[in-house]
Each structure stands twice: as C-alpha cells, then as structure tokens.
C-alpha cells in the first residue's frame, strides 16, 4: 500500500526545488508542456530520490576503477554519483539541468532484474503532478530559500523534509 510513496514524494520535491533553482527551465516547461515526460527523466538523473542502492553482494571477483571487489563482498552503489557520470555526456553537461535533454539516462529505478516494478507509476505521477503545478500555479515559489531547506538525514532516501511554497492569490492577481 505504501510502496513507492516516499520515493515519489521525494521525486516531486526534488524536481520542484530544481525548477525553483533553475527558473529558465521552469519557464521552458510552462511554454512547452510536451517536454514534461522527458523532463521527469532528467529530474531523476539530476537529483534522484534514492541516493544509494540497498546492500548487494558481489557475484564474482571483479576489478572496478582500480579497486578489487571479491566475490561475496558487500557492494553499495551511489545512484546520485552514477547518474552524474554518464560518459555519453560532456563533463560540463553532467551537472546541468536540461529539461529538453533527449533521453536522459539514469539508474534512479535500478536496472535489469532489480528495476523497480513501480517505475511507470512513479513517472506518470510525476508527469501529472509537476505538469499540473506548473500549469495551475505559474507564480509558485518557495517561501524559504532552497539552500536553507532541511533534508532527510543520511540514508537511502534523498529529499527535503518539507518544501513550503506560496502563490499569489487570485485576489492579488486582479
């Protein structure tokens, strides 16, 4: 009943923070709502809601990046780091949010037999949620500078503990 709840909540929060910090990208999504599906993939790549994989055990001996990992060793992967290490992107592009990026690659939902079964639902929820917020509340803004937000303490999950926002009321717009 709650599978995927925290990850999707954090995906939405992280995406909105990214848009608050990159207003040009938010403006682009408002102007071109057809980009939202790909933008969700970019949000997952840029700031994933799951920082680390659960513990795994190496199935065989391997050397990776000059380090030897023996069969049976515990392996934990930083998805945040992996998502910013795509050799298909120039180094300068890896830390750049680009909601128009074609086919953003990420490991936010795992891969292969470990791929999250709920990924399509989370992606759809994010498309609807972010798209609706941008469309219905064009003046949505954080009430606290994003650099001052409190985050989930160290662990697997990554997201703000809260994201207070404000909008200009309809009365104020008149």
N, C-alpha and C. Protein backbone atom coordinates (compact mmCIF):
# COMPACT_ATOMS: atom_id res chain seq x y z
N UNK A 1 0.81 -1.21 0.00
CA UNK A 1 0.00 0.00 0.00
C UNK A 1 0.85 1.27 0.00
N UNK A 2 2.05 1.20 0.56
CA UNK A 2 2.85 2.43 0.57
C UNK A 2 4.10 2.33 -0.30
N UNK A 3 4.28 1.21 -1.00
CA UNK A 3 5.46 1.05 -1.85
C UNK A 3 5.54 2.22 -2.82
N UNK A 4 6.70 2.82 -2.87
CA UNK A 4 6.92 3.92 -3.81
C UNK A 4 6.45 5.27 -3.33
N UNK A 5 5.77 5.33 -2.20
CA UNK A 5 5.25 6.62 -1.75
C UNK A 5 6.38 7.62 -1.47
N UNK A 6 7.32 7.23 -0.61
CA UNK A 6 8.41 8.16 -0.25
C UNK A 6 9.25 8.54 -1.45
N UNK A 7 9.54 7.57 -2.32
CA UNK A 7 10.37 7.87 -3.48
C UNK A 7 9.68 8.85 -4.42
N UNK A 8 8.38 8.69 -4.60
CA UNK A 8 7.64 9.60 -5.49
C UNK A 8 7.50 10.98 -4.86
N UNK A 9 7.22 11.03 -3.57
CA UNK A 9 7.15 12.32 -2.86
C UNK A 9 8.47 13.06 -3.02
N UNK A 10 9.58 12.34 -2.83
CA UNK A 10 10.89 12.98 -2.94
C UNK A 10 11.22 13.36 -4.39
N UNK A 11 10.78 12.56 -5.35
CA UNK A 11 10.95 12.93 -6.76
C UNK A 11 10.26 14.26 -7.03
N UNK A 12 9.03 14.40 -6.55
CA UNK A 12 8.28 15.65 -6.75
C UNK A 12 8.97 16.83 -6.06
N UNK A 13 9.38 16.64 -4.81
CA UNK A 13 10.06 17.71 -4.08
C UNK A 13 11.38 18.10 -4.72
N UNK A 14 12.20 17.11 -5.07
CA UNK A 14 13.49 17.39 -5.69
C UNK A 14 13.32 18.10 -7.04
N UNK A 15 12.32 17.67 -7.80
CA UNK A 15 12.06 18.29 -9.11
C UNK A 15 11.65 19.74 -8.94
N UNK A 16 10.77 20.01 -7.99
CA UNK A 16 10.33 21.39 -7.80
C UNK A 16 11.48 22.27 -7.30
N UNK A 17 12.33 21.74 -6.43
CA UNK A 17 13.49 22.51 -5.99
C UNK A 17 14.39 22.81 -7.19
N UNK A 18 14.61 21.81 -8.04
CA UNK A 18 15.43 22.03 -9.24
C UNK A 18 14.83 23.13 -10.10
N UNK A 19 13.50 23.14 -10.23
CA UNK A 19 12.86 24.19 -11.04
C UNK A 19 12.93 25.55 -10.36
N UNK A 20 12.80 25.59 -9.04
CA UNK A 20 12.95 26.87 -8.33
C UNK A 20 14.37 27.41 -8.50
N UNK A 21 15.35 26.51 -8.49
CA UNK A 21 16.74 26.92 -8.63
C UNK A 21 17.13 27.22 -10.07
N UNK A 22 16.33 26.77 -11.02
CA UNK A 22 16.59 26.97 -12.45
C UNK A 22 15.31 27.52 -13.11
N UNK A 23 14.96 28.78 -12.82
CA UNK A 23 13.69 29.32 -13.32
C UNK A 23 13.56 29.31 -14.84
N UNK A 24 14.66 29.37 -15.55
CA UNK A 24 14.59 29.29 -17.02
C UNK A 24 14.06 27.93 -17.47
N UNK A 25 14.42 26.89 -16.74
CA UNK A 25 13.93 25.55 -17.07
C UNK A 25 12.44 25.43 -16.75
N UNK A 26 12.00 26.04 -15.65
CA UNK A 26 10.58 26.05 -15.31
C UNK A 26 9.79 26.80 -16.39
N UNK A 27 10.33 27.92 -16.82
CA UNK A 27 9.67 28.71 -17.88
C UNK A 27 9.56 27.88 -19.16
N UNK A 28 10.63 27.18 -19.51
CA UNK A 28 10.61 26.33 -20.70
C UNK A 28 9.53 25.25 -20.60
N UNK A 29 9.39 24.62 -19.44
CA UNK A 29 8.34 23.60 -19.27
C UNK A 29 6.94 24.20 -19.35
N UNK A 30 6.78 25.42 -18.84
CA UNK A 30 5.47 26.07 -18.96
C UNK A 30 5.15 26.38 -20.42
N UNK A 31 6.16 26.81 -21.16
CA UNK A 31 5.97 27.16 -22.57
C UNK A 31 5.82 25.92 -23.45
N UNK A 32 6.47 24.84 -23.05
CA UNK A 32 6.47 23.62 -23.86
C UNK A 32 6.10 22.41 -22.99
N UNK A 33 4.84 22.30 -22.59
CA UNK A 33 4.42 21.22 -21.69
C UNK A 33 4.65 19.83 -22.27
N UNK A 34 4.83 19.72 -23.57
CA UNK A 34 5.10 18.41 -24.17
C UNK A 34 6.46 17.85 -23.72
N UNK A 35 7.30 18.68 -23.11
CA UNK A 35 8.61 18.24 -22.63
C UNK A 35 8.55 17.53 -21.27
N UNK A 36 7.39 17.54 -20.60
CA UNK A 36 7.31 17.07 -19.22
C UNK A 36 7.74 15.61 -19.07
N UNK A 37 7.37 14.74 -19.99
CA UNK A 37 7.73 13.32 -19.86
C UNK A 37 9.25 13.16 -19.82
N UNK A 38 9.96 13.76 -20.75
CA UNK A 38 11.42 13.70 -20.76
C UNK A 38 12.02 14.45 -19.58
N UNK A 39 11.35 15.54 -19.16
CA UNK A 39 11.85 16.32 -18.03
C UNK A 39 11.86 15.48 -16.76
N UNK A 40 10.87 14.62 -16.57
CA UNK A 40 10.84 13.75 -15.39
C UNK A 40 12.08 12.85 -15.39
N UNK A 41 12.46 12.34 -16.54
CA UNK A 41 13.67 11.52 -16.62
C UNK A 41 14.90 12.35 -16.26
N UNK A 42 14.91 13.61 -16.70
CA UNK A 42 16.02 14.50 -16.37
C UNK A 42 16.05 14.80 -14.87
N UNK A 43 14.90 14.99 -14.24
CA UNK A 43 14.86 15.22 -12.79
C UNK A 43 15.41 14.00 -12.05
N UNK A 44 15.06 12.82 -12.51
CA UNK A 44 15.56 11.58 -11.89
C UNK A 44 17.07 11.47 -12.05
N UNK A 45 17.60 11.89 -13.17
CA UNK A 45 19.04 11.88 -13.39
C UNK A 45 19.73 12.95 -12.57
N UNK A 46 19.15 14.13 -12.54
CA UNK A 46 19.78 15.30 -11.91
C UNK A 46 19.84 15.19 -10.39
N UNK A 47 18.76 14.72 -9.78
CA UNK A 47 18.70 14.64 -8.31
C UNK A 47 17.73 13.53 -7.91
N UNK A 48 18.22 12.31 -7.92
CA UNK A 48 17.38 11.15 -7.67
C UNK A 48 16.89 11.11 -6.22
N UNK A 49 15.75 10.48 -6.00
CA UNK A 49 15.18 10.41 -4.65
C UNK A 49 15.73 9.24 -3.85
N UNK A 50 16.45 8.34 -4.49
CA UNK A 50 17.11 7.24 -3.78
C UNK A 50 18.61 7.41 -4.03
N UNK A 51 19.34 7.76 -2.96
CA UNK A 51 20.77 8.04 -3.11
C UNK A 51 21.63 6.81 -3.30
N UNK A 52 21.31 5.74 -2.60
CA UNK A 52 22.13 4.53 -2.61
C UNK A 52 21.26 3.31 -2.83
N UNK A 53 21.85 2.30 -3.45
CA UNK A 53 21.15 1.02 -3.59
C UNK A 53 21.17 0.30 -2.25
N UNK A 54 20.25 -0.61 -2.05
CA UNK A 54 20.38 -1.48 -0.87
C UNK A 54 21.68 -2.29 -1.02
N UNK A 55 22.13 -2.86 0.07
CA UNK A 55 23.33 -3.69 0.06
C UNK A 55 23.18 -4.85 -0.93
N UNK A 56 24.21 -5.06 -1.69
CA UNK A 56 24.26 -6.22 -2.59
C UNK A 56 25.57 -6.94 -2.30
N UNK A 57 25.68 -8.17 -2.80
CA UNK A 57 26.90 -8.96 -2.64
C UNK A 57 27.45 -9.27 -4.02
N UNK A 58 28.74 -9.05 -4.20
CA UNK A 58 29.37 -9.32 -5.49
C UNK A 58 29.22 -10.79 -5.84
N UNK A 59 28.77 -11.07 -7.04
CA UNK A 59 28.55 -12.44 -7.50
C UNK A 59 29.85 -13.10 -7.96
N UNK A 60 30.84 -12.26 -8.29
CA UNK A 60 32.13 -12.80 -8.73
C UNK A 60 33.22 -11.77 -8.45
N UNK A 61 34.44 -12.19 -8.54
CA UNK A 61 35.58 -11.27 -8.40
C UNK A 61 35.58 -10.32 -9.59
N UNK A 62 35.89 -9.07 -9.31
CA UNK A 62 35.93 -8.07 -10.38
C UNK A 62 36.87 -6.94 -9.97
N UNK A 63 37.45 -6.29 -10.95
CA UNK A 63 38.21 -5.07 -10.68
C UNK A 63 37.43 -3.92 -11.30
N UNK A 64 37.20 -2.88 -10.51
CA UNK A 64 36.41 -1.75 -10.96
C UNK A 64 37.10 -0.46 -10.53
N UNK A 65 37.48 0.34 -11.48
CA UNK A 65 38.14 1.60 -11.17
C UNK A 65 39.43 1.43 -10.38
N UNK A 66 40.14 0.35 -10.64
CA UNK A 66 41.39 0.10 -9.94
C UNK A 66 41.23 -0.57 -8.58
N UNK A 67 40.00 -0.81 -8.16
CA UNK A 67 39.75 -1.47 -6.87
C UNK A 67 39.30 -2.90 -7.12
N UNK A 68 39.76 -3.82 -6.30
CA UNK A 68 39.36 -5.22 -6.42
C UNK A 68 38.16 -5.47 -5.52
N UNK A 69 37.13 -6.05 -6.10
CA UNK A 69 35.94 -6.45 -5.35
C UNK A 69 35.88 -7.96 -5.45
N UNK A 70 35.95 -8.62 -4.31
CA UNK A 70 35.96 -10.08 -4.27
C UNK A 70 34.53 -10.62 -4.21
N UNK A 71 34.35 -11.79 -4.74
CA UNK A 71 33.05 -12.48 -4.66
C UNK A 71 32.61 -12.50 -3.21
N UNK A 72 31.36 -12.09 -2.96
CA UNK A 72 30.82 -12.06 -1.60
C UNK A 72 30.99 -10.73 -0.89
N UNK A 73 31.84 -9.84 -1.43
CA UNK A 73 31.98 -8.52 -0.80
C UNK A 73 30.67 -7.74 -0.89
N UNK A 74 30.45 -6.90 0.11
CA UNK A 74 29.27 -6.03 0.10
C UNK A 74 29.52 -4.88 -0.86
N UNK A 75 28.52 -4.59 -1.68
CA UNK A 75 28.61 -3.50 -2.65
C UNK A 75 27.40 -2.60 -2.47
N UNK A 76 27.65 -1.31 -2.37
CA UNK A 76 26.59 -0.31 -2.31
C UNK A 76 26.91 0.71 -3.39
N UNK A 77 25.95 1.01 -4.25
CA UNK A 77 26.18 1.92 -5.36
C UNK A 77 25.54 3.26 -5.06
N UNK A 78 26.29 4.34 -5.28
CA UNK A 78 25.75 5.69 -5.16
C UNK A 78 25.04 6.02 -6.47
N UNK A 79 23.71 6.01 -6.44
CA UNK A 79 22.94 6.32 -7.63
C UNK A 79 23.12 7.78 -8.02
N UNK A 80 23.26 8.65 -7.02
CA UNK A 80 23.48 10.07 -7.29
C UNK A 80 24.74 10.24 -8.13
N UNK A 81 25.81 9.60 -7.73
CA UNK A 81 27.08 9.69 -8.47
C UNK A 81 26.95 9.03 -9.84
N UNK A 82 26.36 7.85 -9.89
CA UNK A 82 26.21 7.14 -11.16
C UNK A 82 25.41 7.96 -12.16
N UNK A 83 24.37 8.63 -11.70
CA UNK A 83 23.52 9.41 -12.60
C UNK A 83 24.23 10.65 -13.14
N UNK A 84 25.30 11.07 -12.50
CA UNK A 84 26.06 12.23 -12.96
C UNK A 84 27.37 11.80 -13.63
N UNK A 85 27.51 10.52 -13.96
CA UNK A 85 28.76 10.00 -14.52
C UNK A 85 28.59 9.46 -15.93
N UNK A 86 27.51 9.77 -16.60
CA UNK A 86 27.23 9.24 -17.92
C UNK A 86 28.34 9.64 -18.90
N UNK A 87 29.09 8.66 -19.42
CA UNK A 87 30.16 9.01 -20.36
C UNK A 87 29.61 9.57 -21.68
N UNK A 88 28.31 9.41 -21.90
CA UNK A 88 27.69 9.98 -23.11
C UNK A 88 27.47 11.48 -23.02
N UNK A 89 27.68 12.04 -21.83
CA UNK A 89 27.52 13.48 -21.64
C UNK A 89 28.89 14.10 -21.43
N UNK A 90 29.07 15.28 -21.98
CA UNK A 90 30.30 16.02 -21.71
C UNK A 90 30.32 16.35 -20.23
N UNK A 91 31.52 16.44 -19.66
CA UNK A 91 31.67 16.68 -18.22
C UNK A 91 30.86 17.88 -17.76
N UNK A 92 30.85 18.96 -18.52
CA UNK A 92 30.12 20.16 -18.13
C UNK A 92 28.61 19.95 -18.12
N UNK A 93 28.12 19.02 -18.93
CA UNK A 93 26.68 18.77 -19.02
C UNK A 93 26.15 17.91 -17.87
N UNK A 94 27.02 17.16 -17.22
CA UNK A 94 26.58 16.20 -16.21
C UNK A 94 25.94 16.86 -15.00
N UNK A 95 26.37 18.06 -14.68
CA UNK A 95 25.82 18.77 -13.52
C UNK A 95 24.85 19.87 -13.92
N UNK A 96 24.39 19.82 -15.16
CA UNK A 96 23.47 20.83 -15.68
C UNK A 96 22.07 20.24 -15.82
N UNK A 97 21.07 20.96 -15.33
CA UNK A 97 19.67 20.56 -15.51
C UNK A 97 19.23 21.04 -16.89
N UNK A 98 18.74 20.12 -17.69
CA UNK A 98 18.25 20.46 -19.03
C UNK A 98 16.98 19.66 -19.29
N UNK A 99 15.82 20.30 -19.08
CA UNK A 99 14.54 19.59 -19.22
C UNK A 99 14.23 19.23 -20.66
N UNK A 100 15.01 19.74 -21.60
CA UNK A 100 14.81 19.38 -23.00
C UNK A 100 15.82 18.32 -23.46
N UNK A 101 16.62 17.80 -22.52
CA UNK A 101 17.63 16.80 -22.86
C UNK A 101 16.94 15.56 -23.44
N UNK A 102 17.35 15.15 -24.61
CA UNK A 102 16.74 13.94 -25.17
C UNK A 102 17.26 12.69 -24.45
N UNK A 103 16.36 11.85 -24.04
CA UNK A 103 16.70 10.55 -23.45
C UNK A 103 17.70 10.63 -22.31
N UNK A 104 17.36 11.36 -21.25
CA UNK A 104 18.21 11.41 -20.06
C UNK A 104 18.36 10.01 -19.51
N UNK A 105 19.59 9.57 -19.31
CA UNK A 105 19.86 8.22 -18.79
C UNK A 105 20.12 8.31 -17.30
N UNK A 106 19.55 7.34 -16.56
CA UNK A 106 19.73 7.32 -15.11
C UNK A 106 19.49 5.91 -14.58
N UNK A 107 19.90 5.73 -13.33
CA UNK A 107 19.67 4.46 -12.64
C UNK A 107 18.72 4.64 -11.46
N UNK A 108 17.92 5.69 -11.49
CA UNK A 108 17.05 6.01 -10.36
C UNK A 108 16.10 4.87 -9.99
N UNK A 109 15.71 4.06 -10.94
CA UNK A 109 14.81 2.95 -10.68
C UNK A 109 15.53 1.61 -10.73
N UNK A 110 16.85 1.63 -10.65
CA UNK A 110 17.61 0.39 -10.75
C UNK A 110 17.74 -0.02 -12.20
N UNK A 111 18.11 -1.29 -12.39
CA UNK A 111 18.35 -1.79 -13.74
C UNK A 111 18.20 -3.30 -13.76
N UNK A 112 17.84 -3.84 -14.89
CA UNK A 112 17.75 -5.29 -15.05
C UNK A 112 16.75 -5.92 -14.09
N UNK A 113 17.16 -7.02 -13.46
CA UNK A 113 16.22 -7.73 -12.57
C UNK A 113 15.92 -6.92 -11.32
N UNK A 114 16.71 -5.89 -11.06
CA UNK A 114 16.48 -5.04 -9.88
C UNK A 114 15.71 -3.77 -10.22
N UNK A 115 15.18 -3.65 -11.44
CA UNK A 115 14.42 -2.46 -11.84
C UNK A 115 13.12 -2.43 -11.05
N UNK A 116 12.79 -1.26 -10.57
CA UNK A 116 11.58 -1.05 -9.77
C UNK A 116 10.33 -1.34 -10.60
N UNK A 117 9.46 -2.19 -10.06
CA UNK A 117 8.21 -2.51 -10.77
C UNK A 117 7.26 -1.31 -10.82
N UNK A 118 7.40 -0.40 -9.85
CA UNK A 118 6.51 0.76 -9.80
C UNK A 118 6.99 1.96 -10.59
N UNK A 119 8.11 1.81 -11.32
CA UNK A 119 8.68 2.94 -12.05
C UNK A 119 7.68 3.63 -12.98
N UNK A 120 6.92 2.90 -13.80
CA UNK A 120 5.98 3.59 -14.69
C UNK A 120 4.93 4.42 -13.93
N UNK A 121 4.47 3.91 -12.79
CA UNK A 121 3.50 4.65 -11.99
C UNK A 121 4.14 5.92 -11.42
N UNK A 122 5.34 5.82 -10.88
CA UNK A 122 6.03 6.99 -10.33
C UNK A 122 6.28 8.03 -11.40
N UNK A 123 6.68 7.59 -12.59
CA UNK A 123 6.93 8.52 -13.69
C UNK A 123 5.64 9.24 -14.09
N UNK A 124 4.55 8.50 -14.18
CA UNK A 124 3.27 9.11 -14.54
C UNK A 124 2.80 10.08 -13.46
N UNK A 125 2.93 9.69 -12.19
CA UNK A 125 2.55 10.59 -11.09
C UNK A 125 3.36 11.89 -11.15
N UNK A 126 4.65 11.77 -11.45
CA UNK A 126 5.49 12.96 -11.53
C UNK A 126 5.11 13.83 -12.72
N UNK A 127 4.84 13.22 -13.86
CA UNK A 127 4.41 13.99 -15.04
C UNK A 127 3.15 14.78 -14.73
N UNK A 128 2.18 14.11 -14.13
CA UNK A 128 0.90 14.77 -13.82
C UNK A 128 1.10 15.83 -12.74
N UNK A 129 1.81 15.49 -11.67
CA UNK A 129 1.99 16.41 -10.55
C UNK A 129 2.76 17.66 -10.93
N UNK A 130 3.91 17.49 -11.54
CA UNK A 130 4.75 18.64 -11.91
C UNK A 130 4.07 19.46 -12.99
N UNK A 131 3.51 18.78 -13.99
CA UNK A 131 2.81 19.50 -15.06
C UNK A 131 1.65 20.32 -14.54
N UNK A 132 0.88 19.75 -13.61
CA UNK A 132 -0.27 20.45 -13.03
C UNK A 132 0.18 21.64 -12.20
N UNK A 133 1.21 21.46 -11.37
CA UNK A 133 1.71 22.58 -10.56
C UNK A 133 2.17 23.73 -11.44
N UNK A 134 2.91 23.43 -12.49
CA UNK A 134 3.42 24.48 -13.38
C UNK A 134 2.28 25.19 -14.12
N UNK A 135 1.29 24.43 -14.53
CA UNK A 135 0.18 25.00 -15.29
C UNK A 135 -0.77 25.81 -14.40
N UNK A 136 -1.12 25.26 -13.25
CA UNK A 136 -2.13 25.91 -12.40
C UNK A 136 -1.57 27.01 -11.52
N UNK A 137 -0.26 26.94 -11.21
CA UNK A 137 0.33 27.92 -10.30
C UNK A 137 1.60 28.51 -10.91
N UNK A 138 1.45 29.36 -11.91
CA UNK A 138 2.63 29.91 -12.58
C UNK A 138 3.52 30.77 -11.68
N UNK A 139 2.97 31.23 -10.57
CA UNK A 139 3.76 32.07 -9.66
C UNK A 139 4.17 31.31 -8.39
N UNK A 140 4.11 30.00 -8.43
CA UNK A 140 4.53 29.17 -7.29
C UNK A 140 6.00 29.44 -6.98
N UNK A 141 6.30 29.65 -5.72
CA UNK A 141 7.69 29.92 -5.32
C UNK A 141 7.91 29.43 -3.90
N UNK A 142 9.15 29.12 -3.56
CA UNK A 142 9.43 28.67 -2.20
C UNK A 142 9.39 29.84 -1.23
N UNK A 143 8.93 29.60 -0.02
CA UNK A 143 8.94 30.66 0.99
C UNK A 143 10.25 30.67 1.77
N UNK A 144 11.03 29.62 1.62
CA UNK A 144 12.35 29.50 2.24
C UNK A 144 13.35 29.33 1.12
N UNK A 145 14.47 30.03 1.14
CA UNK A 145 15.48 29.78 0.10
C UNK A 145 15.83 28.30 0.06
N UNK A 146 15.93 27.74 -1.14
CA UNK A 146 16.15 26.29 -1.25
C UNK A 146 17.46 25.86 -0.58
N UNK A 147 18.44 26.73 -0.53
CA UNK A 147 19.71 26.39 0.13
C UNK A 147 19.56 26.24 1.64
N UNK A 148 18.45 26.75 2.19
CA UNK A 148 18.23 26.68 3.63
C UNK A 148 17.25 25.57 4.04
N UNK A 149 16.79 24.77 3.08
CA UNK A 149 15.85 23.70 3.39
C UNK A 149 16.53 22.60 4.19
N UNK A 150 15.77 21.92 5.02
CA UNK A 150 16.27 20.75 5.77
C UNK A 150 15.98 19.51 4.94
N UNK A 151 16.96 18.60 4.92
CA UNK A 151 16.86 17.41 4.10
C UNK A 151 16.76 16.16 4.97
N UNK A 152 16.26 15.09 4.38
CA UNK A 152 16.20 13.81 5.06
C UNK A 152 17.62 13.49 5.54
N UNK A 153 17.76 13.08 6.79
CA UNK A 153 19.10 12.74 7.28
C UNK A 153 19.72 11.62 6.45
N UNK A 154 21.02 11.44 6.57
CA UNK A 154 21.75 10.45 5.79
C UNK A 154 21.03 9.11 5.78
N UNK A 155 20.95 8.53 4.63
CA UNK A 155 20.29 7.24 4.44
C UNK A 155 20.10 6.99 2.97
N UNK A 156 19.22 6.07 2.64
CA UNK A 156 18.98 5.76 1.23
C UNK A 156 18.22 6.85 0.51
N UNK A 157 17.28 7.50 1.20
CA UNK A 157 16.39 8.47 0.55
C UNK A 157 17.00 9.87 0.51
N UNK A 158 16.64 10.62 -0.53
CA UNK A 158 17.08 12.00 -0.66
C UNK A 158 15.88 12.86 -1.01
N UNK A 159 15.62 13.84 -0.17
CA UNK A 159 14.53 14.77 -0.41
C UNK A 159 14.41 15.75 0.73
N UNK A 160 13.70 16.83 0.50
CA UNK A 160 13.51 17.81 1.57
C UNK A 160 12.54 17.28 2.61
N UNK A 161 12.76 17.68 3.87
CA UNK A 161 11.80 17.29 4.91
C UNK A 161 10.48 18.02 4.71
N UNK A 162 10.55 19.23 4.19
CA UNK A 162 9.35 19.97 3.82
C UNK A 162 9.75 20.98 2.75
N UNK A 163 8.77 21.44 1.99
CA UNK A 163 9.01 22.42 0.94
C UNK A 163 7.88 23.45 0.97
N UNK A 164 8.00 24.42 1.89
CA UNK A 164 6.94 25.43 1.98
C UNK A 164 6.96 26.33 0.74
N UNK A 165 5.77 26.54 0.19
CA UNK A 165 5.64 27.36 -1.02
C UNK A 165 4.52 28.38 -0.83
N UNK A 166 4.51 29.36 -1.72
CA UNK A 166 3.41 30.32 -1.72
C UNK A 166 3.04 30.62 -3.17
N UNK A 167 1.84 31.11 -3.33
CA UNK A 167 1.36 31.58 -4.61
C UNK A 167 0.68 32.93 -4.39
N UNK A 168 0.59 33.68 -5.44
CA UNK A 168 -0.17 34.91 -5.37
C UNK A 168 -1.63 34.52 -5.49
N UNK A 169 -2.45 34.97 -4.58
CA UNK A 169 -3.87 34.58 -4.61
C UNK A 169 -4.56 35.21 -5.82
N UNK A 170 -5.69 34.64 -6.19
CA UNK A 170 -6.47 35.17 -7.31
C UNK A 170 -6.84 36.62 -7.03
N UNK A 171 -7.12 36.93 -5.77
CA UNK A 171 -7.48 38.30 -5.38
C UNK A 171 -6.30 39.25 -5.66
N UNK A 172 -5.06 38.78 -5.35
CA UNK A 172 -3.88 39.60 -5.57
C UNK A 172 -3.58 39.79 -7.05
N UNK A 173 -3.99 38.84 -7.88
CA UNK A 173 -3.72 38.92 -9.32
C UNK A 173 -4.64 39.92 -10.02
N UNK A 174 -5.77 40.22 -9.41
CA UNK A 174 -6.76 41.10 -10.06
C UNK A 174 -6.29 42.53 -10.15
